[in-house]
Each structure stands twice: as C-alpha cells, then as structure tokens.
Amino acid sequence: MSIKKQYLKSKPVCKVTFRLEKETPQFAETVNIVGEFNSWDIYATPMKKLKNGAFTVTIDLDLEREYQFRYLLDETKWENDLHADKYVPTPYGNDENSVVVI
C-alpha cells in the first residue's frame, strides 16, 4: 500500500495516488476506494487493476483537509491503508478508518 501526494501549483488541489500492492488484495477481482471524497459511495471510485496484480487510482483532493477512507475488496472485505497519515474510529463498532491529510 502507498499514498503519493502531488501538490499542484496551478490549482488548489493535490493529486493523490492510492496504490494497493498485489499482496494486499491477493485474489481480489475488484477494489474500490470509498471515503468522504466520494460520499462513501462504494461504486463511485473503482481502482484500476494493473498487470502485476496491484490496484491504483488517482484522485484530486482539496487542500487543507482531511479525508477518511477505506478500501473495499470484491464488495465484501474492508481494508485500511497501512501508510495512512492517521486513523480514526468508525461510528460502526471497533473498526477504524484510514485518513489522508492534504
């Protein structure tokens, strides 16, 4: 897993690339990133599966904000990002959400 941030000089946004290496999703056929930036819509932001089995997506996010998110594998299994900037408890029990700080 990794999160790469590219701050743009021309616009007040940051291009954030989220990447899951093939070891994390292992046999997953689909991975969607779900979070505050897409109103927690599980279908809004599918990640692209690369030839090596990794998944990736790049999203433009507004500056000076924090966004909670999680990965959804095959529409059934939730995963956090080990490289998130921090974690916060979810309102649904003992789980945590990953957070990216822009």
C-alpha atoms as a PDB file:
ATOM      1  CA  MET A   1       0.000   0.000   0.000  1.00  0.00           C
ATOM      2  CA  SER A   2       1.090   3.503  -0.601  1.00  0.00           C
ATOM      3  CA  ILE A   3      -0.195   7.042  -0.837  1.00  0.00           C
ATOM      4  CA  LYS A   4       1.619   9.515  -3.110  1.00  0.00           C
ATOM      5  CA  LYS A   5       0.738  13.217  -2.950  1.00  0.00           C
ATOM      6  CA  GLN A   6       1.484  15.658  -5.763  1.00  0.00           C
ATOM      7  CA  TYR A   7       0.629  19.271  -4.931  1.00  0.00           C
ATOM      8  CA  LEU A   8      -0.229  21.362  -7.981  1.00  0.00           C
ATOM      9  CA  LYS A   9       0.989  24.926  -8.383  1.00  0.00           C
ATOM     10  CA  SER A  10      -1.699  25.781 -10.922  1.00  0.00           C
ATOM     11  CA  LYS A  11      -4.737  24.703  -8.855  1.00  0.00           C
ATOM     12  CA  PRO A  12      -5.569  24.468  -5.131  1.00  0.00           C
ATOM     13  CA  VAL A  13      -5.715  20.682  -5.250  1.00  0.00           C
ATOM     14  CA  CYS A  14      -3.464  17.748  -4.572  1.00  0.00           C
ATOM     15  CA  LYS A  15      -3.338  14.728  -6.871  1.00  0.00           C
ATOM     16  CA  VAL A  16      -3.317  11.734  -4.549  1.00  0.00           C
ATOM     17  CA  THR A  17      -2.426   8.313  -5.912  1.00  0.00           C
ATOM     18  CA  PHE A  18      -3.606   5.391  -3.817  1.00  0.00           C
ATOM     19  CA  ARG A  19      -1.956   2.050  -4.542  1.00  0.00           C
ATOM     20  CA  LEU A  20      -2.543  -1.438  -3.194  1.00  0.00           C
ATOM     21  CA  GLU A  21       0.252  -3.865  -3.977  1.00  0.00           C
ATOM     22  CA  LYS A  22      -0.871  -7.323  -5.111  1.00  0.00           C
ATOM     23  CA  GLU A  23      -0.032  -8.873  -1.720  1.00  0.00           C
ATOM     24  CA  THR A  24      -2.810  -6.908  -0.001  1.00  0.00           C
ATOM     25  CA  PRO A  25      -5.781  -7.706  -2.234  1.00  0.00           C
ATOM     26  CA  GLN A  26      -4.242 -11.084  -3.196  1.00  0.00           C
ATOM     27  CA  PHE A  27      -7.084 -12.744  -5.071  1.00  0.00           C
ATOM     28  CA  ALA A  28      -9.420  -9.749  -5.263  1.00  0.00           C
ATOM     29  CA  GLU A  29     -11.011  -9.134  -8.627  1.00  0.00           C
ATOM     30  CA  THR A  30     -12.174  -5.613  -7.789  1.00  0.00           C
ATOM     31  CA  VAL A  31     -11.088  -2.890  -5.367  1.00  0.00           C
ATOM     32  CA  ASN A  32     -12.939   0.371  -4.800  1.00  0.00           C
ATOM     33  CA  ILE A  33     -11.711   3.233  -2.677  1.00  0.00           C
ATOM     34  CA  VAL A  34     -14.540   4.565  -0.546  1.00  0.00           C
ATOM     35  CA  GLY A  35     -14.474   7.676   1.593  1.00  0.00           C
ATOM     36  CA  GLU A  36     -15.533  11.194   2.369  1.00  0.00           C
ATOM     37  CA  PHE A  37     -14.317  12.405  -1.040  1.00  0.00           C
ATOM     38  CA  ASN A  38     -16.986  10.303  -2.803  1.00  0.00           C
ATOM     39  CA  SER A  39     -19.744  10.421  -0.142  1.00  0.00           C
ATOM     40  CA  TRP A  40     -18.915   6.821   0.893  1.00  0.00           C
ATOM     41  CA  ASP A  41     -20.324   5.530  -2.416  1.00  0.00           C
ATOM     42  CA  ILE A  42     -18.892   2.028  -2.780  1.00  0.00           C
ATOM     43  CA  TYR A  43     -19.141   2.161  -6.594  1.00  0.00           C
ATOM     44  CA  ALA A  44     -18.018   5.760  -7.239  1.00  0.00           C
ATOM     45  CA  THR A  45     -14.238   5.218  -7.395  1.00  0.00           C
ATOM     46  CA  PRO A  46     -13.103   1.849  -8.726  1.00  0.00           C
ATOM     47  CA  MET A  47      -9.378   1.217  -8.715  1.00  0.00           C
ATOM     48  CA  LYS A  48      -7.587   0.026 -11.846  1.00  0.00           C
ATOM     49  CA  LYS A  49      -6.037  -3.433 -11.688  1.00  0.00           C
ATOM     50  CA  LEU A  50      -2.508  -3.417 -13.123  1.00  0.00           C
ATOM     51  CA  LYS A  51      -0.859  -6.301 -14.951  1.00  0.00           C
ATOM     52  CA  ASN A  52       1.263  -7.102 -11.882  1.00  0.00           C
ATOM     53  CA  GLY A  53      -1.881  -7.528  -9.743  1.00  0.00           C
ATOM     54  CA  ALA A  54      -1.674  -4.193  -7.917  1.00  0.00           C
ATOM     55  CA  PHE A  55      -4.568  -1.712  -7.876  1.00  0.00           C
ATOM     56  CA  THR A  56      -4.244   2.063  -8.275  1.00  0.00           C
ATOM     57  CA  VAL A  57      -6.311   5.233  -8.606  1.00  0.00           C
ATOM     58  CA  THR A  58      -5.521   8.957  -8.587  1.00  0.00           C
ATOM     59  CA  ILE A  59      -7.964  11.456  -7.082  1.00  0.00           C
ATOM     60  CA  ASP A  60      -7.840  15.267  -6.951  1.00  0.00           C
ATOM     61  CA  LEU A  61      -8.434  16.380  -3.357  1.00  0.00           C
ATOM     62  CA  ASP A  62      -8.901  19.890  -1.961  1.00  0.00           C
ATOM     63  CA  LEU A  63      -6.077  21.357   0.101  1.00  0.00           C
ATOM     64  CA  GLU A  64      -6.037  21.797   3.873  1.00  0.00           C
ATOM     65  CA  ARG A  65      -8.490  18.979   4.533  1.00  0.00           C
ATOM     66  CA  GLU A  66      -8.524  15.501   5.980  1.00  0.00           C
ATOM     67  CA  TYR A  67     -10.394  12.670   4.290  1.00  0.00           C
ATOM     68  CA  GLN A  68     -11.437   9.393   5.883  1.00  0.00           C
ATOM     69  CA  PHE A  69     -11.394   6.379   3.563  1.00  0.00           C
ATOM     70  CA  ARG A  70     -11.122   2.603   3.279  1.00  0.00           C
ATOM     71  CA  TYR A  71     -10.610   0.068   0.512  1.00  0.00           C
ATOM     72  CA  LEU A  72     -13.418  -2.359  -0.377  1.00  0.00           C
ATOM     73  CA  LEU A  73     -12.241  -5.625  -1.918  1.00  0.00           C
ATOM     74  CA  ASP A  74     -14.729  -7.600  -4.038  1.00  0.00           C
ATOM     75  CA  GLU A  75     -17.569  -5.606  -2.432  1.00  0.00           C
ATOM     76  CA  THR A  76     -17.204  -7.694   0.751  1.00  0.00           C
ATOM     77  CA  LYS A  77     -13.935  -7.051   2.624  1.00  0.00           C
ATOM     78  CA  TRP A  78     -12.817  -3.714   4.069  1.00  0.00           C
ATOM     79  CA  GLU A  79      -9.098  -2.850   4.317  1.00  0.00           C
ATOM     80  CA  ASN A  80      -7.269   0.145   5.750  1.00  0.00           C
ATOM     81  CA  ASP A  81      -4.150   1.687   4.261  1.00  0.00           C
ATOM     82  CA  LEU A  82      -1.068   0.880   6.328  1.00  0.00           C
ATOM     83  CA  HIS A  83       0.518   4.125   5.108  1.00  0.00           C
ATOM     84  CA  ALA A  84      -2.376   6.418   6.049  1.00  0.00           C
ATOM     85  CA  ASP A  85      -1.495   9.666   7.787  1.00  0.00           C
ATOM     86  CA  LYS A  86      -3.622   8.605  10.761  1.00  0.00           C
ATOM     87  CA  TYR A  87      -6.630   6.520  11.779  1.00  0.00           C
ATOM     88  CA  VAL A  88      -9.931   7.423  13.425  1.00  0.00           C
ATOM     89  CA  PRO A  89     -12.617   5.182  14.932  1.00  0.00           C
ATOM     90  CA  THR A  90     -15.646   4.467  12.762  1.00  0.00           C
ATOM     91  CA  PRO A  91     -19.149   5.022  14.120  1.00  0.00           C
ATOM     92  CA  TYR A  92     -19.799   1.316  13.422  1.00  0.00           C
ATOM     93  CA  GLY A  93     -18.072  -0.597  16.203  1.00  0.00           C
ATOM     94  CA  ASN A  94     -14.427  -1.457  16.689  1.00  0.00           C
ATOM     95  CA  ASP A  95     -13.121  -0.628  13.198  1.00  0.00           C
ATOM     96  CA  GLU A  96     -11.035   2.361  12.192  1.00  0.00           C
ATOM     97  CA  ASN A  97     -10.954   4.435   9.022  1.00  0.00           C
ATOM     98  CA  SER A  98      -7.749   5.468   7.308  1.00  0.00           C
ATOM     99  CA  VAL A  99      -7.189   9.221   6.991  1.00  0.00           C
ATOM    100  CA  VAL A 100      -5.207  11.123   4.366  1.00  0.00           C
ATOM    101  CA  VAL A 101      -4.214  14.684   5.319  1.00  0.00           C
ATOM    102  CA  ILE A 102      -3.803  17.147   2.448  1.00  0.00           C
END
